Every structure is written in C-alpha cells, then in structure tokens.
Amino acid sequence: PNVDRSLNYIILFRLVVWGHACLALSLFGIVGNIITIIVLVSPSLRIISTNMYLIALSCSNILFLLIFIPSYPIRYLLGYSAYITKQPVLTVEILLTRLPTTVVYNTIL
C-alpha cells in the first residue's frame, strides 16, 4: 500500500511539474519571444546588429520550445491520463518517447 501511495505521489508530481508547469512556461516563453521579435523587427531597431542577433535567438528559442512541448509536457499529460484510467499506453506516447530529440536540442542550443 505504501509503495502504491508513493508511486501515485511521484506520478502526480511529474504531472504538475513536467506536465502543467512546463507547458505553461513553454507557452509563456513562445508568446514572449514572439513579442520580442515583433518589437525588434521595427525599422528603427532592425539596423542595430545586436537586435538582429536577438531576433535570431528568439527564433531559436521558439523552435526549441515547439520541440520541447511534445517531448515532455504532452508526454506526461498523456501518460498520467493513461495511468489513472488503467488504459494501455497510447501509440502517440510511445512515438513521443522514441523521438530523437537530443540531437535537435543540441543543434538548436
């Protein structure tokens, strides 16, 4: 019984941290980077080379977050629902665990 309770707490913790919190922070980061790009693309700011670098950095961050969302938050949200309902693991979740994201992450970083 204690092992089951501990496992439930661990899975719930992963759901909250890796599922909900990471998804919210990722979406907030995407919106923030889009706002940064919109501001820095204005003609008066576009001529400064540092701003061009910041635009490229924001684009890279958006790409990273778009790849991060299915890799972690969505995977944990799907996994939790499958665990609670005692259903078999979805094909989408298996696919998400097998994506070679490390190479893409390192390239973007």
N, C-alpha and C. Protein backbone atom coordinates (compact mmCIF):
# COMPACT_ATOMS: atom_id res chain seq x y z
N PRO A 1 0.82 -1.21 0.00
CA PRO A 1 0.00 0.00 0.00
C PRO A 1 0.86 1.27 0.00
N ASN A 2 1.95 1.30 0.79
CA ASN A 2 2.78 2.50 0.83
C ASN A 2 3.50 2.73 -0.49
N VAL A 3 3.86 1.65 -1.15
CA VAL A 3 4.54 1.78 -2.44
C VAL A 3 3.60 2.38 -3.47
N ASP A 4 2.34 1.95 -3.45
CA ASP A 4 1.36 2.49 -4.37
C ASP A 4 1.11 3.97 -4.11
N ARG A 5 1.03 4.36 -2.83
CA ARG A 5 0.84 5.77 -2.50
C ARG A 5 2.03 6.59 -2.93
N SER A 6 3.24 6.09 -2.70
CA SER A 6 4.44 6.81 -3.11
C SER A 6 4.49 6.96 -4.62
N LEU A 7 4.14 5.90 -5.33
CA LEU A 7 4.12 5.96 -6.78
C LEU A 7 3.09 6.97 -7.27
N ASN A 8 1.93 7.00 -6.64
CA ASN A 8 0.91 7.97 -7.01
C ASN A 8 1.40 9.40 -6.79
N TYR A 9 2.11 9.65 -5.69
CA TYR A 9 2.64 10.99 -5.43
C TYR A 9 3.70 11.38 -6.46
N ILE A 10 4.54 10.43 -6.81
CA ILE A 10 5.59 10.71 -7.80
C ILE A 10 4.96 11.02 -9.15
N ILE A 11 3.98 10.26 -9.54
CA ILE A 11 3.33 10.48 -10.82
C ILE A 11 2.56 11.79 -10.81
N LEU A 12 1.91 12.11 -9.70
CA LEU A 12 1.22 13.38 -9.58
C LEU A 12 2.20 14.55 -9.62
N PHE A 13 3.35 14.41 -8.98
CA PHE A 13 4.38 15.45 -9.01
C PHE A 13 4.87 15.67 -10.44
N ARG A 14 5.11 14.58 -11.15
CA ARG A 14 5.54 14.70 -12.55
C ARG A 14 4.47 15.38 -13.40
N LEU A 15 3.22 15.06 -13.13
CA LEU A 15 2.13 15.68 -13.88
C LEU A 15 2.13 17.19 -13.66
N VAL A 16 2.27 17.60 -12.39
CA VAL A 16 2.21 19.03 -12.08
C VAL A 16 3.44 19.76 -12.62
N VAL A 17 4.63 19.23 -12.36
CA VAL A 17 5.86 19.92 -12.75
C VAL A 17 6.14 19.77 -14.24
N TRP A 18 6.24 18.53 -14.70
CA TRP A 18 6.61 18.30 -16.11
C TRP A 18 5.43 18.47 -17.05
N GLY A 19 4.23 18.33 -16.54
CA GLY A 19 3.06 18.49 -17.40
C GLY A 19 2.56 19.91 -17.44
N HIS A 20 1.91 20.33 -16.37
CA HIS A 20 1.24 21.63 -16.36
C HIS A 20 2.22 22.81 -16.30
N ALA A 21 3.17 22.76 -15.38
CA ALA A 21 4.09 23.90 -15.22
C ALA A 21 4.96 24.10 -16.46
N CYS A 22 5.52 23.02 -16.99
CA CYS A 22 6.37 23.16 -18.18
C CYS A 22 5.57 23.61 -19.39
N LEU A 23 4.35 23.13 -19.52
CA LEU A 23 3.51 23.56 -20.63
C LEU A 23 3.20 25.05 -20.52
N ALA A 24 2.84 25.50 -19.32
CA ALA A 24 2.54 26.92 -19.12
C ALA A 24 3.76 27.79 -19.37
N LEU A 25 4.91 27.39 -18.84
CA LEU A 25 6.13 28.17 -19.05
C LEU A 25 6.56 28.16 -20.52
N SER A 26 6.39 27.05 -21.20
CA SER A 26 6.75 26.98 -22.62
C SER A 26 5.85 27.90 -23.45
N LEU A 27 4.56 27.87 -23.19
CA LEU A 27 3.65 28.75 -23.93
C LEU A 27 3.93 30.21 -23.63
N PHE A 28 4.22 30.51 -22.37
CA PHE A 28 4.59 31.87 -21.99
C PHE A 28 5.88 32.30 -22.70
N GLY A 29 6.84 31.39 -22.81
CA GLY A 29 8.09 31.68 -23.50
C GLY A 29 7.88 31.93 -24.98
N ILE A 30 7.02 31.13 -25.61
CA ILE A 30 6.74 31.33 -27.03
C ILE A 30 6.10 32.69 -27.27
N VAL A 31 5.11 33.04 -26.45
CA VAL A 31 4.45 34.34 -26.60
C VAL A 31 5.45 35.47 -26.36
N GLY A 32 6.28 35.35 -25.34
CA GLY A 32 7.27 36.38 -25.04
C GLY A 32 8.28 36.55 -26.17
N ASN A 33 8.71 35.46 -26.76
CA ASN A 33 9.66 35.54 -27.87
C ASN A 33 9.01 36.13 -29.11
N ILE A 34 7.75 35.83 -29.35
CA ILE A 34 7.04 36.44 -30.48
C ILE A 34 6.93 37.95 -30.28
N ILE A 35 6.61 38.37 -29.07
CA ILE A 35 6.55 39.81 -28.78
C ILE A 35 7.92 40.45 -28.98
N THR A 36 8.97 39.80 -28.56
CA THR A 36 10.33 40.31 -28.75
C THR A 36 10.65 40.48 -30.22
N ILE A 37 10.29 39.49 -31.02
CA ILE A 37 10.54 39.58 -32.46
C ILE A 37 9.76 40.73 -33.08
N ILE A 38 8.50 40.88 -32.69
CA ILE A 38 7.67 41.97 -33.24
C ILE A 38 8.28 43.32 -32.91
N VAL A 39 8.76 43.48 -31.69
CA VAL A 39 9.36 44.76 -31.29
C VAL A 39 10.67 45.01 -32.03
N LEU A 40 11.51 43.99 -32.11
CA LEU A 40 12.85 44.18 -32.70
C LEU A 40 12.84 44.26 -34.22
N VAL A 41 11.74 43.88 -34.87
CA VAL A 41 11.67 43.94 -36.32
C VAL A 41 11.33 45.35 -36.81
N SER A 42 10.92 46.22 -35.92
CA SER A 42 10.59 47.59 -36.34
C SER A 42 11.80 48.23 -37.03
N PRO A 43 11.55 49.06 -38.06
CA PRO A 43 12.65 49.59 -38.87
C PRO A 43 13.73 50.34 -38.08
N SER A 44 13.35 51.03 -37.04
CA SER A 44 14.35 51.80 -36.29
C SER A 44 15.28 50.90 -35.47
N LEU A 45 14.80 49.73 -35.07
CA LEU A 45 15.62 48.82 -34.27
C LEU A 45 16.31 47.75 -35.10
N ARG A 46 15.86 47.56 -36.34
CA ARG A 46 16.40 46.49 -37.16
C ARG A 46 17.82 46.78 -37.64
N ILE A 47 18.23 48.03 -37.64
CA ILE A 47 19.55 48.37 -38.19
C ILE A 47 20.69 48.06 -37.22
N ILE A 48 20.38 47.82 -35.97
CA ILE A 48 21.42 47.52 -34.97
C ILE A 48 21.72 46.02 -35.03
N SER A 49 22.99 45.69 -35.17
CA SER A 49 23.36 44.29 -35.35
C SER A 49 23.03 43.44 -34.12
N THR A 50 23.09 44.01 -32.94
CA THR A 50 22.74 43.27 -31.73
C THR A 50 21.28 42.84 -31.76
N ASN A 51 20.42 43.68 -32.28
CA ASN A 51 19.00 43.34 -32.35
C ASN A 51 18.75 42.20 -33.35
N MET A 52 19.54 42.15 -34.40
CA MET A 52 19.41 41.04 -35.36
C MET A 52 19.80 39.72 -34.67
N TYR A 53 20.83 39.79 -33.84
CA TYR A 53 21.23 38.61 -33.07
C TYR A 53 20.11 38.20 -32.11
N LEU A 54 19.49 39.18 -31.46
CA LEU A 54 18.40 38.87 -30.52
C LEU A 54 17.19 38.29 -31.24
N ILE A 55 16.93 38.74 -32.47
CA ILE A 55 15.83 38.17 -33.26
C ILE A 55 16.13 36.70 -33.57
N ALA A 56 17.37 36.43 -33.99
CA ALA A 56 17.75 35.04 -34.29
C ALA A 56 17.67 34.18 -33.04
N LEU A 57 18.07 34.72 -31.90
CA LEU A 57 18.00 33.99 -30.64
C LEU A 57 16.55 33.69 -30.25
N SER A 58 15.66 34.65 -30.46
CA SER A 58 14.24 34.44 -30.16
C SER A 58 13.65 33.37 -31.07
N CYS A 59 14.03 33.38 -32.35
CA CYS A 59 13.54 32.34 -33.27
C CYS A 59 14.04 30.96 -32.83
N SER A 60 15.28 30.89 -32.41
CA SER A 60 15.84 29.63 -31.93
C SER A 60 15.12 29.16 -30.67
N ASN A 61 14.81 30.07 -29.78
CA ASN A 61 14.08 29.71 -28.56
C ASN A 61 12.68 29.20 -28.88
N ILE A 62 12.02 29.83 -29.83
CA ILE A 62 10.68 29.37 -30.21
C ILE A 62 10.75 27.96 -30.78
N LEU A 63 11.72 27.71 -31.64
CA LEU A 63 11.87 26.38 -32.21
C LEU A 63 12.15 25.35 -31.12
N PHE A 64 13.02 25.70 -30.18
CA PHE A 64 13.32 24.79 -29.07
C PHE A 64 12.06 24.48 -28.26
N LEU A 65 11.28 25.50 -27.95
CA LEU A 65 10.07 25.29 -27.14
C LEU A 65 9.02 24.49 -27.90
N LEU A 66 8.93 24.69 -29.21
CA LEU A 66 7.97 23.93 -30.00
C LEU A 66 8.34 22.45 -30.05
N ILE A 67 9.61 22.15 -29.97
CA ILE A 67 10.04 20.75 -29.92
C ILE A 67 9.94 20.21 -28.50
N PHE A 68 10.16 21.07 -27.51
CA PHE A 68 10.12 20.66 -26.10
C PHE A 68 8.70 20.26 -25.67
N ILE A 69 7.69 20.99 -26.15
CA ILE A 69 6.32 20.75 -25.69
C ILE A 69 5.86 19.31 -25.95
N PRO A 70 6.01 18.77 -27.17
CA PRO A 70 5.58 17.37 -27.31
C PRO A 70 6.52 16.38 -26.63
N SER A 71 7.77 16.78 -26.40
CA SER A 71 8.73 15.85 -25.81
C SER A 71 8.47 15.61 -24.32
N TYR A 72 8.09 16.64 -23.59
CA TYR A 72 7.90 16.47 -22.15
C TYR A 72 6.48 16.74 -21.67
N PRO A 73 5.98 17.97 -21.73
CA PRO A 73 4.65 18.21 -21.14
C PRO A 73 3.54 17.34 -21.71
N ILE A 74 3.45 17.24 -23.02
CA ILE A 74 2.37 16.45 -23.61
C ILE A 74 2.54 14.97 -23.26
N ARG A 75 3.78 14.51 -23.25
CA ARG A 75 4.04 13.11 -22.91
C ARG A 75 3.60 12.80 -21.48
N TYR A 76 3.89 13.70 -20.54
CA TYR A 76 3.49 13.44 -19.15
C TYR A 76 1.99 13.59 -18.96
N LEU A 77 1.36 14.51 -19.68
CA LEU A 77 -0.10 14.64 -19.58
C LEU A 77 -0.79 13.40 -20.11
N LEU A 78 -0.34 12.87 -21.24
CA LEU A 78 -0.94 11.66 -21.79
C LEU A 78 -0.65 10.45 -20.90
N GLY A 79 0.57 10.37 -20.38
CA GLY A 79 0.93 9.25 -19.52
C GLY A 79 0.13 9.21 -18.24
N TYR A 80 -0.15 10.38 -17.66
CA TYR A 80 -0.92 10.42 -16.43
C TYR A 80 -2.36 9.96 -16.67
N SER A 81 -2.94 10.43 -17.76
CA SER A 81 -4.33 10.02 -18.03
C SER A 81 -4.41 8.52 -18.30
N ALA A 82 -3.41 7.96 -18.96
CA ALA A 82 -3.41 6.51 -19.20
C ALA A 82 -3.21 5.75 -17.89
N TYR A 83 -2.38 6.28 -16.99
CA TYR A 83 -2.13 5.61 -15.71
C TYR A 83 -3.38 5.61 -14.84
N ILE A 84 -4.06 6.74 -14.78
CA ILE A 84 -5.24 6.87 -13.92
C ILE A 84 -6.37 5.97 -14.43
N THR A 85 -6.57 5.93 -15.74
CA THR A 85 -7.68 5.15 -16.29
C THR A 85 -7.32 3.69 -16.51
N LYS A 86 -6.06 3.33 -16.21
CA LYS A 86 -5.58 1.96 -16.37
C LYS A 86 -5.70 1.47 -17.82
N GLN A 87 -5.56 2.40 -18.75
CA GLN A 87 -5.61 2.05 -20.16
C GLN A 87 -4.20 1.76 -20.67
N PRO A 88 -4.08 1.05 -21.77
CA PRO A 88 -2.75 0.82 -22.33
C PRO A 88 -2.14 2.12 -22.83
N VAL A 89 -0.84 2.13 -22.93
CA VAL A 89 -0.12 3.32 -23.38
C VAL A 89 -0.50 3.62 -24.82
N LEU A 90 -0.75 4.88 -25.10
CA LEU A 90 -1.14 5.29 -26.44
C LEU A 90 0.04 5.21 -27.40
N THR A 91 -0.26 5.00 -28.64
CA THR A 91 0.78 4.96 -29.67
C THR A 91 1.49 6.30 -29.76
N VAL A 92 0.76 7.39 -29.57
CA VAL A 92 1.36 8.73 -29.62
C VAL A 92 2.41 8.87 -28.52
N GLU A 93 2.11 8.37 -27.34
CA GLU A 93 3.07 8.47 -26.25
C GLU A 93 4.32 7.65 -26.53
N ILE A 94 4.14 6.47 -27.10
CA ILE A 94 5.31 5.66 -27.46
C ILE A 94 6.14 6.38 -28.51
N LEU A 95 5.48 6.99 -29.48
CA LEU A 95 6.19 7.74 -30.51
C LEU A 95 6.95 8.92 -29.90
N LEU A 96 6.33 9.62 -28.95
CA LEU A 96 6.98 10.77 -28.32
C LEU A 96 8.22 10.36 -27.52
N THR A 97 8.19 9.17 -26.93
CA THR A 97 9.36 8.73 -26.16
C THR A 97 10.50 8.29 -27.06
N ARG A 98 10.20 7.96 -28.30
CA ARG A 98 11.21 7.45 -29.20
C ARG A 98 11.77 8.51 -30.16
N LEU A 99 11.28 9.72 -30.09
CA LEU A 99 11.78 10.78 -30.98
C LEU A 99 13.23 11.11 -30.64
N PRO A 100 14.09 11.23 -31.64
CA PRO A 100 15.50 11.56 -31.37
C PRO A 100 15.68 13.07 -31.14
N THR A 101 15.15 13.55 -30.03
CA THR A 101 15.15 14.99 -29.80
C THR A 101 16.48 15.52 -29.28
N THR A 102 17.33 14.69 -28.72
CA THR A 102 18.60 15.17 -28.16
C THR A 102 19.46 15.84 -29.22
N VAL A 103 19.54 15.25 -30.38
CA VAL A 103 20.35 15.83 -31.46
C VAL A 103 19.77 17.17 -31.87
N VAL A 104 18.46 17.26 -32.00
CA VAL A 104 17.81 18.51 -32.39
C VAL A 104 18.00 19.57 -31.31
N TYR A 105 17.82 19.18 -30.04
CA TYR A 105 18.03 20.12 -28.94
C TYR A 105 19.45 20.69 -28.96
N ASN A 106 20.42 19.83 -29.10
CA ASN A 106 21.82 20.28 -29.10
C ASN A 106 22.10 21.18 -30.29
N THR A 107 21.52 20.90 -31.42
CA THR A 107 21.72 21.76 -32.59
C THR A 107 21.11 23.13 -32.37
N ILE A 108 19.92 23.16 -31.82
CA ILE A 108 19.26 24.45 -31.58
C ILE A 108 20.00 25.26 -30.51
N LEU A 109 20.44 24.57 -29.47
CA LEU A 109 21.15 25.27 -28.39
C LEU A 109 22.48 25.80 -28.89
